[in-house]
Amino acid sequence: MADGDIDIAPGVVIFGDELRESFIRASGPGGQNVNKVATAVQLRFDAQNARGLPERVRDNLIRLAGQRATKDGEIVIEAARFRTQERNRDDARQRLAELVAKAAEPPPKPRRKTKPSKGAVERRLKAKSGRSTVKKMRGRVGED
């Protein structure tokens, strides 16, 4: 595993040479620093042609990415939370790794239909009729 590779799960790896970073100026507060220094990072990952992703993970990743995915299957993550390039780079890589990890989760087990037992149904109906009787007894007293 190379220096810039990100290991997600067994059989799922993001290779460092598949990531492209470009630094852009961040918006928001920061005074002079925000006008002078390009600290925000735009991380691009070509998920469609990634070597370290199985087919199922690749499809899930593009679906989960939503608007962050382009028509060509490239995922774009912008990170501008911090005031330094290094922290924004780490943040973008961490967010990409979390997205890929979520896509790599196994599908949930299929739901098995269950049915209440006969005894449970009888107890429920008996309790309902008991409550009904109690409520009927709360009515007006008739003339005898």
N, C-alpha and C. Protein backbone atom coordinates (compact mmCIF):
# COMPACT_ATOMS: atom_id res chain seq x y z
N MET A 1 0.84 -1.17 0.00
CA MET A 1 0.00 0.00 0.00
C MET A 1 0.89 1.24 0.00
N ALA A 2 0.62 2.15 -0.90
CA ALA A 2 1.45 3.33 -1.05
C ALA A 2 1.13 4.36 0.03
N ASP A 3 1.87 5.44 -0.01
CA ASP A 3 1.79 6.47 1.02
C ASP A 3 0.42 7.14 1.06
N GLY A 4 -0.17 7.50 -0.07
CA GLY A 4 -1.41 8.25 -0.10
C GLY A 4 -2.65 7.40 -0.20
N ASP A 5 -2.52 6.06 -0.15
CA ASP A 5 -3.67 5.18 -0.28
C ASP A 5 -4.51 5.20 1.00
N ILE A 6 -5.82 5.04 0.83
CA ILE A 6 -6.73 5.00 1.97
C ILE A 6 -7.39 3.63 1.98
N ASP A 7 -7.13 2.87 3.05
CA ASP A 7 -7.70 1.52 3.19
C ASP A 7 -9.04 1.65 3.90
N ILE A 8 -10.11 1.21 3.25
CA ILE A 8 -11.46 1.37 3.79
C ILE A 8 -11.92 0.08 4.49
N ALA A 9 -11.92 -1.01 3.76
CA ALA A 9 -12.39 -2.30 4.26
C ALA A 9 -11.62 -3.37 3.50
N PRO A 10 -11.73 -4.62 3.90
CA PRO A 10 -11.07 -5.67 3.13
C PRO A 10 -11.56 -5.68 1.68
N GLY A 11 -10.63 -5.50 0.74
CA GLY A 11 -10.97 -5.50 -0.67
C GLY A 11 -11.42 -4.14 -1.20
N VAL A 12 -11.46 -3.12 -0.34
CA VAL A 12 -11.88 -1.78 -0.76
C VAL A 12 -10.78 -0.79 -0.41
N VAL A 13 -10.15 -0.23 -1.45
CA VAL A 13 -9.04 0.69 -1.26
C VAL A 13 -9.20 1.88 -2.20
N ILE A 14 -8.87 3.07 -1.70
CA ILE A 14 -8.80 4.25 -2.57
C ILE A 14 -7.31 4.50 -2.78
N PHE A 15 -6.86 4.37 -4.02
CA PHE A 15 -5.45 4.58 -4.31
C PHE A 15 -5.17 6.07 -4.41
N GLY A 16 -4.02 6.47 -3.88
CA GLY A 16 -3.65 7.89 -3.85
C GLY A 16 -3.51 8.51 -5.22
N ASP A 17 -3.11 7.71 -6.22
CA ASP A 17 -2.93 8.27 -7.56
C ASP A 17 -4.26 8.49 -8.28
N GLU A 18 -5.37 8.03 -7.70
CA GLU A 18 -6.69 8.26 -8.29
C GLU A 18 -7.35 9.52 -7.74
N LEU A 19 -6.72 10.16 -6.76
CA LEU A 19 -7.26 11.38 -6.17
C LEU A 19 -6.60 12.60 -6.80
N ARG A 20 -7.41 13.59 -7.13
CA ARG A 20 -6.87 14.85 -7.65
C ARG A 20 -7.36 15.97 -6.74
N GLU A 21 -6.42 16.80 -6.32
CA GLU A 21 -6.76 17.91 -5.43
C GLU A 21 -6.44 19.22 -6.12
N SER A 22 -7.32 20.18 -5.94
CA SER A 22 -7.04 21.54 -6.39
C SER A 22 -7.46 22.47 -5.27
N PHE A 23 -6.70 23.52 -5.07
CA PHE A 23 -6.98 24.44 -3.98
C PHE A 23 -7.64 25.70 -4.54
N ILE A 24 -8.72 26.10 -3.88
CA ILE A 24 -9.49 27.25 -4.31
C ILE A 24 -9.67 28.19 -3.12
N ARG A 25 -10.07 29.40 -3.40
CA ARG A 25 -10.30 30.36 -2.32
C ARG A 25 -11.59 30.01 -1.61
N ALA A 26 -11.53 30.03 -0.29
CA ALA A 26 -12.70 29.73 0.51
C ALA A 26 -13.56 30.98 0.66
N SER A 27 -14.85 30.79 0.86
CA SER A 27 -15.73 31.92 1.11
C SER A 27 -15.95 32.04 2.61
N GLY A 28 -16.58 33.11 3.01
CA GLY A 28 -16.93 33.27 4.41
C GLY A 28 -15.93 34.09 5.18
N PRO A 29 -16.04 34.07 6.52
CA PRO A 29 -15.17 34.91 7.35
C PRO A 29 -13.72 34.45 7.32
N GLY A 30 -12.82 35.36 7.60
CA GLY A 30 -11.40 35.04 7.60
C GLY A 30 -10.55 36.25 7.32
N GLY A 31 -11.19 37.39 7.08
CA GLY A 31 -10.44 38.63 6.89
C GLY A 31 -9.57 38.59 5.65
N GLN A 32 -8.38 39.16 5.77
CA GLN A 32 -7.46 39.23 4.64
C GLN A 32 -7.04 37.85 4.16
N ASN A 33 -6.95 36.91 5.08
CA ASN A 33 -6.49 35.57 4.74
C ASN A 33 -7.36 34.93 3.66
N VAL A 34 -8.69 35.14 3.77
CA VAL A 34 -9.60 34.50 2.83
C VAL A 34 -9.45 35.08 1.42
N ASN A 35 -9.01 36.32 1.33
CA ASN A 35 -8.84 36.95 0.02
C ASN A 35 -7.51 36.60 -0.63
N LYS A 36 -6.53 36.24 0.14
CA LYS A 36 -5.18 36.05 -0.38
C LYS A 36 -4.81 34.59 -0.62
N VAL A 37 -5.24 33.72 0.26
CA VAL A 37 -4.74 32.34 0.26
C VAL A 37 -5.83 31.37 -0.18
N ALA A 38 -5.49 30.45 -1.07
CA ALA A 38 -6.42 29.41 -1.52
C ALA A 38 -6.31 28.23 -0.56
N THR A 39 -7.15 28.24 0.47
CA THR A 39 -7.05 27.19 1.49
C THR A 39 -8.09 26.09 1.32
N ALA A 40 -9.19 26.37 0.65
CA ALA A 40 -10.21 25.34 0.46
C ALA A 40 -9.71 24.32 -0.55
N VAL A 41 -10.06 23.06 -0.35
CA VAL A 41 -9.62 22.01 -1.26
C VAL A 41 -10.83 21.41 -1.97
N GLN A 42 -10.62 21.12 -3.23
CA GLN A 42 -11.63 20.43 -4.04
C GLN A 42 -11.01 19.08 -4.42
N LEU A 43 -11.54 18.02 -3.81
CA LEU A 43 -11.02 16.67 -4.01
C LEU A 43 -11.87 15.96 -5.04
N ARG A 44 -11.23 15.42 -6.08
CA ARG A 44 -11.95 14.70 -7.14
C ARG A 44 -11.49 13.26 -7.15
N PHE A 45 -12.48 12.35 -7.19
CA PHE A 45 -12.20 10.92 -7.20
C PHE A 45 -13.06 10.29 -8.29
N ASP A 46 -12.40 9.67 -9.26
CA ASP A 46 -13.11 9.04 -10.38
C ASP A 46 -13.58 7.65 -9.93
N ALA A 47 -14.77 7.61 -9.36
CA ALA A 47 -15.31 6.35 -8.82
C ALA A 47 -15.66 5.36 -9.92
N GLN A 48 -16.06 5.86 -11.06
CA GLN A 48 -16.48 4.98 -12.17
C GLN A 48 -15.32 4.11 -12.65
N ASN A 49 -14.10 4.63 -12.64
CA ASN A 49 -12.94 3.90 -13.14
C ASN A 49 -11.96 3.51 -12.03
N ALA A 50 -12.41 3.52 -10.78
CA ALA A 50 -11.52 3.21 -9.65
C ALA A 50 -11.13 1.73 -9.66
N ARG A 51 -9.84 1.47 -9.45
CA ARG A 51 -9.34 0.09 -9.45
C ARG A 51 -9.65 -0.63 -8.14
N GLY A 52 -9.71 0.09 -7.03
CA GLY A 52 -9.83 -0.55 -5.72
C GLY A 52 -11.24 -0.73 -5.22
N LEU A 53 -12.24 -0.51 -6.10
CA LEU A 53 -13.63 -0.64 -5.66
C LEU A 53 -14.33 -1.78 -6.41
N PRO A 54 -14.95 -2.70 -5.68
CA PRO A 54 -15.78 -3.72 -6.34
C PRO A 54 -17.00 -3.06 -7.00
N GLU A 55 -17.63 -3.76 -7.90
CA GLU A 55 -18.75 -3.21 -8.67
C GLU A 55 -19.91 -2.76 -7.77
N ARG A 56 -20.26 -3.58 -6.78
CA ARG A 56 -21.37 -3.23 -5.87
C ARG A 56 -21.08 -1.95 -5.10
N VAL A 57 -19.85 -1.83 -4.60
CA VAL A 57 -19.46 -0.64 -3.83
C VAL A 57 -19.46 0.58 -4.74
N ARG A 58 -18.99 0.42 -5.95
CA ARG A 58 -18.95 1.54 -6.91
C ARG A 58 -20.36 2.07 -7.19
N ASP A 59 -21.30 1.16 -7.44
CA ASP A 59 -22.67 1.59 -7.71
C ASP A 59 -23.30 2.27 -6.49
N ASN A 60 -23.09 1.68 -5.30
CA ASN A 60 -23.62 2.28 -4.08
C ASN A 60 -23.02 3.66 -3.83
N LEU A 61 -21.72 3.79 -4.10
CA LEU A 61 -21.03 5.05 -3.86
C LEU A 61 -21.58 6.16 -4.73
N ILE A 62 -21.78 5.88 -6.00
CA ILE A 62 -22.30 6.91 -6.91
C ILE A 62 -23.73 7.27 -6.52
N ARG A 63 -24.50 6.28 -6.08
CA ARG A 63 -25.88 6.56 -5.66
C ARG A 63 -25.89 7.39 -4.37
N LEU A 64 -25.02 7.05 -3.40
CA LEU A 64 -24.97 7.77 -2.14
C LEU A 64 -24.41 9.18 -2.29
N ALA A 65 -23.53 9.38 -3.26
CA ALA A 65 -22.89 10.69 -3.43
C ALA A 65 -23.90 11.75 -3.85
N GLY A 66 -24.95 11.36 -4.54
CA GLY A 66 -25.99 12.31 -4.93
C GLY A 66 -25.46 13.40 -5.83
N GLN A 67 -25.61 14.66 -5.41
CA GLN A 67 -25.18 15.79 -6.23
C GLN A 67 -23.67 15.95 -6.26
N ARG A 68 -22.98 15.29 -5.36
CA ARG A 68 -21.51 15.36 -5.37
C ARG A 68 -20.92 14.54 -6.51
N ALA A 69 -21.71 13.69 -7.15
CA ALA A 69 -21.23 12.87 -8.26
C ALA A 69 -21.59 13.55 -9.59
N THR A 70 -20.65 13.54 -10.52
CA THR A 70 -20.90 14.10 -11.84
C THR A 70 -21.50 13.02 -12.74
N LYS A 71 -21.88 13.41 -13.94
CA LYS A 71 -22.45 12.45 -14.88
C LYS A 71 -21.43 11.39 -15.30
N ASP A 72 -20.15 11.75 -15.24
CA ASP A 72 -19.08 10.82 -15.63
C ASP A 72 -18.69 9.86 -14.50
N GLY A 73 -19.36 9.94 -13.34
CA GLY A 73 -19.03 9.05 -12.24
C GLY A 73 -17.89 9.55 -11.38
N GLU A 74 -17.62 10.85 -11.43
CA GLU A 74 -16.55 11.43 -10.63
C GLU A 74 -17.17 12.09 -9.40
N ILE A 75 -16.58 11.86 -8.24
CA ILE A 75 -17.11 12.43 -7.00
C ILE A 75 -16.25 13.64 -6.63
N VAL A 76 -16.93 14.76 -6.37
CA VAL A 76 -16.26 16.01 -6.03
C VAL A 76 -16.63 16.38 -4.60
N ILE A 77 -15.62 16.52 -3.75
CA ILE A 77 -15.84 16.92 -2.36
C ILE A 77 -15.07 18.21 -2.12
N GLU A 78 -15.78 19.23 -1.64
CA GLU A 78 -15.15 20.50 -1.31
C GLU A 78 -15.08 20.63 0.20
N ALA A 79 -13.89 20.99 0.70
CA ALA A 79 -13.69 21.15 2.14
C ALA A 79 -13.10 22.53 2.39
N ALA A 80 -13.81 23.32 3.18
CA ALA A 80 -13.35 24.67 3.49
C ALA A 80 -13.62 25.02 4.94
N ARG A 81 -13.71 24.01 5.81
CA ARG A 81 -14.01 24.26 7.22
C ARG A 81 -12.88 24.94 7.96
N PHE A 82 -11.66 24.63 7.57
CA PHE A 82 -10.50 25.07 8.33
C PHE A 82 -9.74 26.16 7.57
N ARG A 83 -8.77 26.78 8.25
CA ARG A 83 -8.04 27.90 7.65
C ARG A 83 -6.72 27.47 7.02
N THR A 84 -6.40 26.17 7.07
CA THR A 84 -5.15 25.72 6.46
C THR A 84 -5.45 24.67 5.40
N GLN A 85 -4.58 24.64 4.40
CA GLN A 85 -4.74 23.66 3.32
C GLN A 85 -4.64 22.24 3.85
N GLU A 86 -3.71 22.01 4.74
CA GLU A 86 -3.46 20.65 5.24
C GLU A 86 -4.68 20.09 5.97
N ARG A 87 -5.28 20.90 6.84
CA ARG A 87 -6.46 20.42 7.59
C ARG A 87 -7.65 20.22 6.66
N ASN A 88 -7.80 21.10 5.66
CA ASN A 88 -8.89 20.92 4.70
C ASN A 88 -8.66 19.68 3.84
N ARG A 89 -7.42 19.41 3.49
CA ARG A 89 -7.10 18.21 2.71
C ARG A 89 -7.45 16.96 3.51
N ASP A 90 -7.05 16.93 4.78
CA ASP A 90 -7.38 15.78 5.63
C ASP A 90 -8.88 15.62 5.81
N ASP A 91 -9.58 16.76 5.95
CA ASP A 91 -11.03 16.73 6.11
C ASP A 91 -11.71 16.15 4.86
N ALA A 92 -11.26 16.58 3.68
CA ALA A 92 -11.86 16.09 2.44
C ALA A 92 -11.60 14.59 2.28
N ARG A 93 -10.39 14.15 2.57
CA ARG A 93 -10.08 12.72 2.46
C ARG A 93 -10.88 11.90 3.47
N GLN A 94 -11.05 12.44 4.67
CA GLN A 94 -11.84 11.75 5.70
C GLN A 94 -13.30 11.63 5.26
N ARG A 95 -13.86 12.68 4.70
CA ARG A 95 -15.25 12.63 4.25
C ARG A 95 -15.43 11.66 3.09
N LEU A 96 -14.45 11.60 2.19
CA LEU A 96 -14.52 10.63 1.09
C LEU A 96 -14.44 9.20 1.64
N ALA A 97 -13.55 8.98 2.60
CA ALA A 97 -13.40 7.64 3.19
C ALA A 97 -14.69 7.22 3.90
N GLU A 98 -15.36 8.15 4.59
CA GLU A 98 -16.61 7.82 5.27
C GLU A 98 -17.70 7.47 4.25
N LEU A 99 -17.73 8.20 3.15
CA LEU A 99 -18.72 7.93 2.11
C LEU A 99 -18.51 6.55 1.49
N VAL A 100 -17.24 6.22 1.21
CA VAL A 100 -16.93 4.91 0.62
C VAL A 100 -17.20 3.80 1.63
N ALA A 101 -16.91 4.04 2.91
CA ALA A 101 -17.18 3.03 3.94
C ALA A 101 -18.67 2.75 4.06
N LYS A 102 -19.47 3.80 3.95
CA LYS A 102 -20.93 3.61 4.00
C LYS A 102 -21.41 2.82 2.78
N ALA A 103 -20.80 3.08 1.62
CA ALA A 103 -21.17 2.36 0.40
C ALA A 103 -20.72 0.90 0.46
N ALA A 104 -19.67 0.61 1.25
CA ALA A 104 -19.12 -0.74 1.32
C ALA A 104 -19.85 -1.63 2.34
N GLU A 105 -20.76 -1.04 3.13
CA GLU A 105 -21.48 -1.84 4.11
C GLU A 105 -22.30 -2.91 3.40
N PRO A 106 -22.39 -4.10 3.99
CA PRO A 106 -23.18 -5.16 3.35
C PRO A 106 -24.67 -4.81 3.37
N PRO A 107 -25.43 -5.32 2.43
CA PRO A 107 -26.86 -5.02 2.43
C PRO A 107 -27.54 -5.65 3.64
N PRO A 108 -28.63 -5.05 4.12
CA PRO A 108 -29.31 -5.62 5.30
C PRO A 108 -29.94 -6.98 4.98
N LYS A 109 -30.08 -7.78 6.03
CA LYS A 109 -30.70 -9.09 5.85
C LYS A 109 -32.17 -8.89 5.47
N PRO A 110 -32.71 -9.78 4.63
CA PRO A 110 -34.12 -9.63 4.28
C PRO A 110 -35.02 -9.87 5.49
N ARG A 111 -36.10 -9.10 5.56
CA ARG A 111 -37.01 -9.20 6.69
C ARG A 111 -37.86 -10.47 6.58
N ARG A 112 -37.96 -11.17 7.71
CA ARG A 112 -38.80 -12.36 7.75
C ARG A 112 -40.13 -11.99 8.37
N LYS A 113 -41.22 -12.33 7.71
CA LYS A 113 -42.54 -12.03 8.24
C LYS A 113 -42.79 -12.89 9.47
N THR A 114 -43.38 -12.29 10.48
CA THR A 114 -43.72 -13.02 11.70
C THR A 114 -45.22 -12.90 11.96
N LYS A 115 -45.73 -13.80 12.78
CA LYS A 115 -47.14 -13.81 13.08
C LYS A 115 -47.29 -14.02 14.58
N PRO A 116 -48.20 -13.30 15.24
CA PRO A 116 -48.37 -13.52 16.69
C PRO A 116 -48.93 -14.91 16.95
N SER A 117 -48.57 -15.45 18.10
CA SER A 117 -49.06 -16.80 18.45
C SER A 117 -50.55 -16.74 18.79
N LYS A 118 -51.18 -17.90 18.78
CA LYS A 118 -52.62 -17.96 19.09
C LYS A 118 -52.88 -17.45 20.50
N GLY A 119 -52.01 -17.81 21.43
CA GLY A 119 -52.18 -17.37 22.81
C GLY A 119 -52.11 -15.85 22.93
N ALA A 120 -51.18 -15.23 22.19
CA ALA A 120 -51.04 -13.78 22.23
C ALA A 120 -52.28 -13.10 21.68
N VAL A 121 -52.85 -13.64 20.60
CA VAL A 121 -54.06 -13.08 20.00
C VAL A 121 -55.22 -13.19 20.99
N GLU A 122 -55.36 -14.37 21.65
CA GLU A 122 -56.44 -14.57 22.61
C GLU A 122 -56.31 -13.62 23.80
N ARG A 123 -55.09 -13.44 24.32
CA ARG A 123 -54.86 -12.53 25.45
C ARG A 123 -55.22 -11.10 25.08
N ARG A 124 -54.85 -10.68 23.88
CA ARG A 124 -55.15 -9.33 23.42
C ARG A 124 -56.66 -9.12 23.32
N LEU A 125 -57.38 -10.08 22.73
CA LEU A 125 -58.82 -9.95 22.58
C LEU A 125 -59.53 -9.98 23.94
N LYS A 126 -59.03 -10.79 24.87
CA LYS A 126 -59.61 -10.85 26.21
C LYS A 126 -59.41 -9.51 26.93
N ALA A 127 -58.23 -8.92 26.79
CA ALA A 127 -57.95 -7.62 27.41
C ALA A 127 -58.85 -6.54 26.80
N LYS A 128 -59.06 -6.59 25.50
CA LYS A 128 -59.93 -5.61 24.85
C LYS A 128 -61.36 -5.72 25.36
N SER A 129 -61.86 -6.93 25.45
CA SER A 129 -63.25 -7.10 25.92
C SER A 129 -63.37 -6.69 27.38
N GLY A 130 -62.32 -6.93 28.17
CA GLY A 130 -62.33 -6.50 29.57
C GLY A 130 -62.41 -4.99 29.67
N ARG A 131 -61.62 -4.27 28.86
CA ARG A 131 -61.65 -2.80 28.87
C ARG A 131 -63.02 -2.30 28.40
N SER A 132 -63.58 -2.99 27.42
CA SER A 132 -64.90 -2.61 26.91
C SER A 132 -65.94 -2.71 28.02
N THR A 133 -65.88 -3.77 28.79
CA THR A 133 -66.83 -3.95 29.89
C THR A 133 -66.68 -2.84 30.92
N VAL A 134 -65.43 -2.50 31.27
CA VAL A 134 -65.17 -1.44 32.25
C VAL A 134 -65.76 -0.13 31.75
N LYS A 135 -65.58 0.17 30.49
CA LYS A 135 -66.07 1.44 29.96
C LYS A 135 -67.60 1.47 29.86
N LYS A 136 -68.21 0.33 29.59
CA LYS A 136 -69.67 0.27 29.54
C LYS A 136 -70.27 0.53 30.93
N MET A 137 -69.57 0.09 31.96
CA MET A 137 -70.05 0.27 33.33
C MET A 137 -69.99 1.73 33.76
N ARG A 138 -69.27 2.58 33.03
CA ARG A 138 -69.14 3.99 33.40
C ARG A 138 -70.34 4.81 32.91
N GLY A 139 -71.24 4.20 32.17
CA GLY A 139 -72.38 4.93 31.63
C GLY A 139 -73.36 5.37 32.70
N ARG A 140 -74.43 6.03 32.27
CA ARG A 140 -75.45 6.51 33.20
C ARG A 140 -76.18 5.31 33.83
N VAL A 141 -76.57 5.55 35.03
CA VAL A 141 -77.28 4.50 35.75
C VAL A 141 -78.74 4.55 35.32
N GLY A 142 -79.25 3.43 34.90
CA GLY A 142 -80.64 3.38 34.45
C GLY A 142 -81.62 3.29 35.60
N GLU A 143 -82.89 3.60 35.32
CA GLU A 143 -83.91 3.52 36.37
C GLU A 143 -84.32 2.08 36.57
N ASP A 144 -84.35 1.65 37.81
CA ASP A 144 -84.74 0.28 38.09
C ASP A 144 -86.14 0.18 38.57
